[in-house]
Amino acid sequence: MNKITKFFSDVKFEMNKVSWPKWDELKGSTFVVISFSIMVSLFLFFIDRILSTLMQVIL
């Protein structure tokens, strides 16, 4: 039981050290991640379409 209590005490201590982002920083980072994800998915979609068309022409 002492180990569990010490674990949660240590977790609480470490969580107090965490530097949490401000709301504006969080919104900005979220926008960047979503935008990048959309761009990568569109890029992969078009590459897949091109390669599948080439494979159909070749075979």
C-alpha atoms as a PDB file:
ATOM      1  CA  MET A   1       0.000   0.000   0.000  1.00  0.00           C
ATOM      2  CA  ASN A   2       2.934   2.346   0.679  1.00  0.00           C
ATOM      3  CA  LYS A   3       4.157   1.960  -2.903  1.00  0.00           C
ATOM      4  CA  ILE A   4       0.782   2.983  -4.328  1.00  0.00           C
ATOM      5  CA  THR A   5       0.566   6.007  -2.036  1.00  0.00           C
ATOM      6  CA  LYS A   6       4.140   7.032  -2.923  1.00  0.00           C
ATOM      7  CA  PHE A   7       3.405   6.583  -6.617  1.00  0.00           C
ATOM      8  CA  PHE A   8       0.395   8.929  -6.541  1.00  0.00           C
ATOM      9  CA  SER A   9       2.301  11.403  -4.383  1.00  0.00           C
ATOM     10  CA  ASP A  10       5.119  11.429  -6.952  1.00  0.00           C
ATOM     11  CA  VAL A  11       2.642  11.833  -9.805  1.00  0.00           C
ATOM     12  CA  LYS A  12       1.069  14.835  -8.111  1.00  0.00           C
ATOM     13  CA  PHE A  13       4.508  16.360  -7.498  1.00  0.00           C
ATOM     14  CA  GLU A  14       5.570  15.904 -11.129  1.00  0.00           C
ATOM     15  CA  MET A  15       2.267  17.212 -12.512  1.00  0.00           C
ATOM     16  CA  ASN A  16       2.827  20.464 -10.607  1.00  0.00           C
ATOM     17  CA  LYS A  17       6.053  20.930 -12.608  1.00  0.00           C
ATOM     18  CA  VAL A  18       4.313  20.641 -15.968  1.00  0.00           C
ATOM     19  CA  SER A  19       4.083  23.815 -18.027  1.00  0.00           C
ATOM     20  CA  TRP A  20       0.591  23.690 -19.519  1.00  0.00           C
ATOM     21  CA  PRO A  21      -0.036  25.663 -22.743  1.00  0.00           C
ATOM     22  CA  LYS A  22      -2.324  28.665 -22.803  1.00  0.00           C
ATOM     23  CA  TRP A  23      -5.661  28.360 -24.631  1.00  0.00           C
ATOM     24  CA  ASP A  24      -4.457  30.400 -27.644  1.00  0.00           C
ATOM     25  CA  GLU A  25      -1.296  28.282 -27.982  1.00  0.00           C
ATOM     26  CA  LEU A  26      -3.379  25.113 -27.811  1.00  0.00           C
ATOM     27  CA  LYS A  27      -5.771  26.329 -30.533  1.00  0.00           C
ATOM     28  CA  GLY A  28      -2.831  27.324 -32.758  1.00  0.00           C
ATOM     29  CA  SER A  29      -1.099  23.980 -32.325  1.00  0.00           C
ATOM     30  CA  THR A  30      -4.334  22.112 -32.993  1.00  0.00           C
ATOM     31  CA  PHE A  31      -4.856  24.084 -36.205  1.00  0.00           C
ATOM     32  CA  VAL A  32      -1.314  23.247 -37.374  1.00  0.00           C
ATOM     33  CA  VAL A  33      -1.727  19.533 -36.636  1.00  0.00           C
ATOM     34  CA  ILE A  34      -5.122  19.291 -38.372  1.00  0.00           C
ATOM     35  CA  SER A  35      -3.892  21.271 -41.401  1.00  0.00           C
ATOM     36  CA  PHE A  36      -0.780  19.132 -41.753  1.00  0.00           C
ATOM     37  CA  SER A  37      -2.821  15.933 -41.403  1.00  0.00           C
ATOM     38  CA  ILE A  38      -5.192  17.037 -44.157  1.00  0.00           C
ATOM     39  CA  MET A  39      -2.295  17.970 -46.477  1.00  0.00           C
ATOM     40  CA  VAL A  40      -0.532  14.636 -45.927  1.00  0.00           C
ATOM     41  CA  SER A  41      -3.746  12.658 -46.450  1.00  0.00           C
ATOM     42  CA  LEU A  42      -4.479  14.534 -49.705  1.00  0.00           C
ATOM     43  CA  PHE A  43      -0.912  13.982 -50.898  1.00  0.00           C
ATOM     44  CA  LEU A  44      -1.121  10.254 -50.166  1.00  0.00           C
ATOM     45  CA  PHE A  45      -4.542  10.045 -51.805  1.00  0.00           C
ATOM     46  CA  PHE A  46      -3.274  11.558 -55.063  1.00  0.00           C
ATOM     47  CA  ILE A  47      -0.096   9.461 -55.065  1.00  0.00           C
ATOM     48  CA  ASP A  48      -2.216   6.347 -54.534  1.00  0.00           C
ATOM     49  CA  ARG A  49      -4.546   7.291 -57.399  1.00  0.00           C
ATOM     50  CA  ILE A  50      -1.604   7.940 -59.735  1.00  0.00           C
ATOM     51  CA  LEU A  51       0.139   4.708 -58.845  1.00  0.00           C
ATOM     52  CA  SER A  52      -3.034   2.620 -59.124  1.00  0.00           C
ATOM     53  CA  THR A  53      -3.718   4.129 -62.563  1.00  0.00           C
ATOM     54  CA  LEU A  54      -0.161   3.359 -63.665  1.00  0.00           C
ATOM     55  CA  MET A  55      -0.490  -0.224 -62.420  1.00  0.00           C
ATOM     56  CA  GLN A  56      -3.712  -0.676 -64.411  1.00  0.00           C
ATOM     57  CA  VAL A  57      -2.046   0.661 -67.562  1.00  0.00           C
ATOM     58  CA  ILE A  58       1.017  -1.559 -67.094  1.00  0.00           C
ATOM     59  CA  LEU A  59      -0.929  -4.714 -66.251  1.00  0.00           C
END
